[in-house]
C-alpha cells in the first residue's frame, strides 16, 4: 500500500510543474511545489483526495537536481464523509532534466524514496 501511495505522489509530482528558478545551471537553493490526486485503494475504505507537496531543492549538475519534499492529503472515509483520514510524508527525490539551449522549459523524469504516516 505504501508503495502505491508513493508512486501516486511521485506521478503527481511528475505531472505537476515545479517552481525551478533557473534557466541556466544555477546551484542556488529553490522552492518547489506540486498538486495532484492521491488514488486510494479499496482496502482503506477511503476516497481519492487531492494532495500537495512543498519542497526545497538544488541543482547539483546542469541535468540533475535533488529535492526534499513534504506532502499531505486528507481523504474522506467512504462510510462517513465527515470523518477524515490524514496522511503526510517526507520524500527525497531526484530529477533528470532534459534541457535544450534556447528553450524556456524542459521536461524531467523524477524518482525518489519516502516515508508516509497516516492517522485518523
Protein backbone atom coordinates (compact mmCIF):
# COMPACT_ATOMS: atom_id res chain seq x y z
CA UNK A 1 0.00 0.00 0.00
CA UNK A 2 2.78 2.41 0.91
CA UNK A 3 4.40 1.77 -2.47
CA UNK A 4 1.16 2.63 -4.25
CA UNK A 5 0.78 5.89 -2.32
CA UNK A 6 4.39 6.82 -3.01
CA UNK A 7 4.00 6.02 -6.71
CA UNK A 8 0.85 8.15 -6.91
CA UNK A 9 2.64 11.00 -5.17
CA UNK A 10 5.63 10.73 -7.48
CA UNK A 11 3.44 10.55 -10.57
CA UNK A 12 1.53 13.61 -9.37
CA UNK A 13 4.78 15.45 -8.81
CA UNK A 14 5.98 14.37 -12.25
CA UNK A 15 2.78 15.66 -13.86
CA UNK A 16 2.76 18.94 -11.97
CA UNK A 17 5.11 21.81 -12.70
CA UNK A 18 7.90 22.53 -10.27
CA UNK A 19 8.94 26.06 -9.47
CA UNK A 20 12.55 25.83 -10.59
CA UNK A 21 14.01 29.32 -10.65
CA UNK A 22 16.94 28.82 -13.02
CA UNK A 23 17.27 28.89 -16.82
CA UNK A 24 20.96 28.06 -16.86
CA UNK A 25 22.83 25.88 -14.44
CA UNK A 26 22.33 27.57 -11.14
CA UNK A 27 23.39 25.90 -7.91
CA UNK A 28 21.28 28.13 -5.66
CA UNK A 29 18.57 26.57 -3.49
CA UNK A 30 14.99 26.76 -4.83
CA UNK A 31 11.47 26.06 -3.59
CA UNK A 32 9.29 23.58 -5.47
CA UNK A 33 5.68 22.57 -5.18
CA UNK A 34 3.11 20.35 -6.79
CA UNK A 35 -0.50 19.27 -6.55
CA UNK A 36 -2.19 16.07 -7.65
CA UNK A 37 -4.65 13.32 -6.78
CA UNK A 38 -3.86 10.51 -4.33
CA UNK A 39 -5.69 7.44 -5.64
CA UNK A 40 -6.64 5.41 -2.54
CA UNK A 41 -7.09 1.65 -2.79
CA UNK A 42 -10.39 0.00 -1.82
CA UNK A 43 -8.88 -1.76 1.25
CA UNK A 44 -8.71 1.53 3.16
CA UNK A 45 -12.37 2.41 2.67
CA UNK A 46 -11.41 5.98 1.73
CA UNK A 47 -11.95 8.09 -1.36
CA UNK A 48 -9.29 9.60 -3.56
CA UNK A 49 -8.13 13.01 -2.40
CA UNK A 50 -6.11 15.96 -3.66
CA UNK A 51 -2.59 16.28 -2.29
CA UNK A 52 0.09 18.94 -2.22
CA UNK A 53 3.85 18.92 -1.86
CA UNK A 54 6.27 21.59 -0.82
CA UNK A 55 9.96 21.07 -1.35
CA UNK A 56 13.41 22.56 -1.10
CA UNK A 57 15.90 21.62 -3.78
CA UNK A 58 19.14 22.34 -5.54
CA UNK A 59 20.70 21.62 -8.92
CA UNK A 60 23.82 19.51 -8.46
CA UNK A 61 24.69 19.44 -12.19
CA UNK A 62 23.05 21.12 -15.20
CA UNK A 63 20.91 17.98 -15.74
CA UNK A 64 20.29 16.77 -12.17
CA UNK A 65 18.52 18.29 -9.17
CA UNK A 66 17.61 16.89 -5.77
CA UNK A 67 14.66 17.88 -3.58
CA UNK A 68 13.39 17.10 -0.10
CA UNK A 69 9.59 17.34 -0.19
CA UNK A 70 6.76 17.28 2.33
CA UNK A 71 3.35 16.02 1.18
CA UNK A 72 -0.12 15.96 2.68
CA UNK A 73 -3.54 14.60 1.74
CA UNK A 74 -6.77 14.30 3.68
CA UNK A 75 -9.09 11.64 2.19
CA UNK A 76 -12.64 11.09 3.49
CA UNK A 77 -13.90 7.71 4.63
CA UNK A 78 -16.47 6.26 2.20
CA UNK A 79 -18.78 5.22 5.07
CA UNK A 80 -18.68 8.64 6.79
CA UNK A 81 -17.85 11.67 4.62
CA UNK A 82 -17.46 13.86 7.75
CA UNK A 83 -14.55 11.75 9.05
CA UNK A 84 -11.11 12.43 7.55
CA UNK A 85 -8.08 10.19 7.38
CA UNK A 86 -4.91 12.29 7.19
CA UNK A 87 -1.69 11.26 5.52
CA UNK A 88 1.61 13.10 5.43
CA UNK A 89 5.03 12.18 4.18
CA UNK A 90 8.61 13.16 3.54
CA UNK A 91 10.33 12.33 0.26
CA UNK A 92 13.81 12.64 -1.18
CA UNK A 93 13.59 12.91 -4.96
CA UNK A 94 16.00 13.32 -7.84
CA UNK A 95 15.09 14.86 -11.18
CA UNK A 96 16.83 14.26 -14.52
CA UNK A 97 16.17 17.39 -16.59
CA UNK A 98 16.23 17.25 -20.39
CA UNK A 99 17.42 20.77 -21.10
CA UNK A 100 17.96 22.31 -24.52
CA UNK A 101 19.60 25.65 -25.14
CA UNK A 102 17.20 28.46 -26.01
CA UNK A 103 14.16 26.73 -24.57
CA UNK A 104 12.39 28.32 -21.60
CA UNK A 105 11.05 25.00 -20.25
CA UNK A 106 12.28 21.44 -20.13
CA UNK A 107 10.75 18.09 -19.24
CA UNK A 108 12.16 15.89 -16.49
CA UNK A 109 11.91 12.41 -15.02
CA UNK A 110 11.51 12.11 -11.27
CA UNK A 111 12.25 9.25 -8.90
CA UNK A 112 12.66 9.01 -5.18
CA UNK A 113 12.05 7.37 -1.85
CA UNK A 114 9.88 8.47 1.02
CA UNK A 115 8.01 7.77 4.22
CA UNK A 116 4.25 8.10 4.70
CA UNK A 117 2.42 8.41 8.01
CA UNK A 118 -1.33 8.20 8.49
CA UNK A 119 -3.73 8.90 11.35
CA UNK A 120 -7.47 9.26 11.91
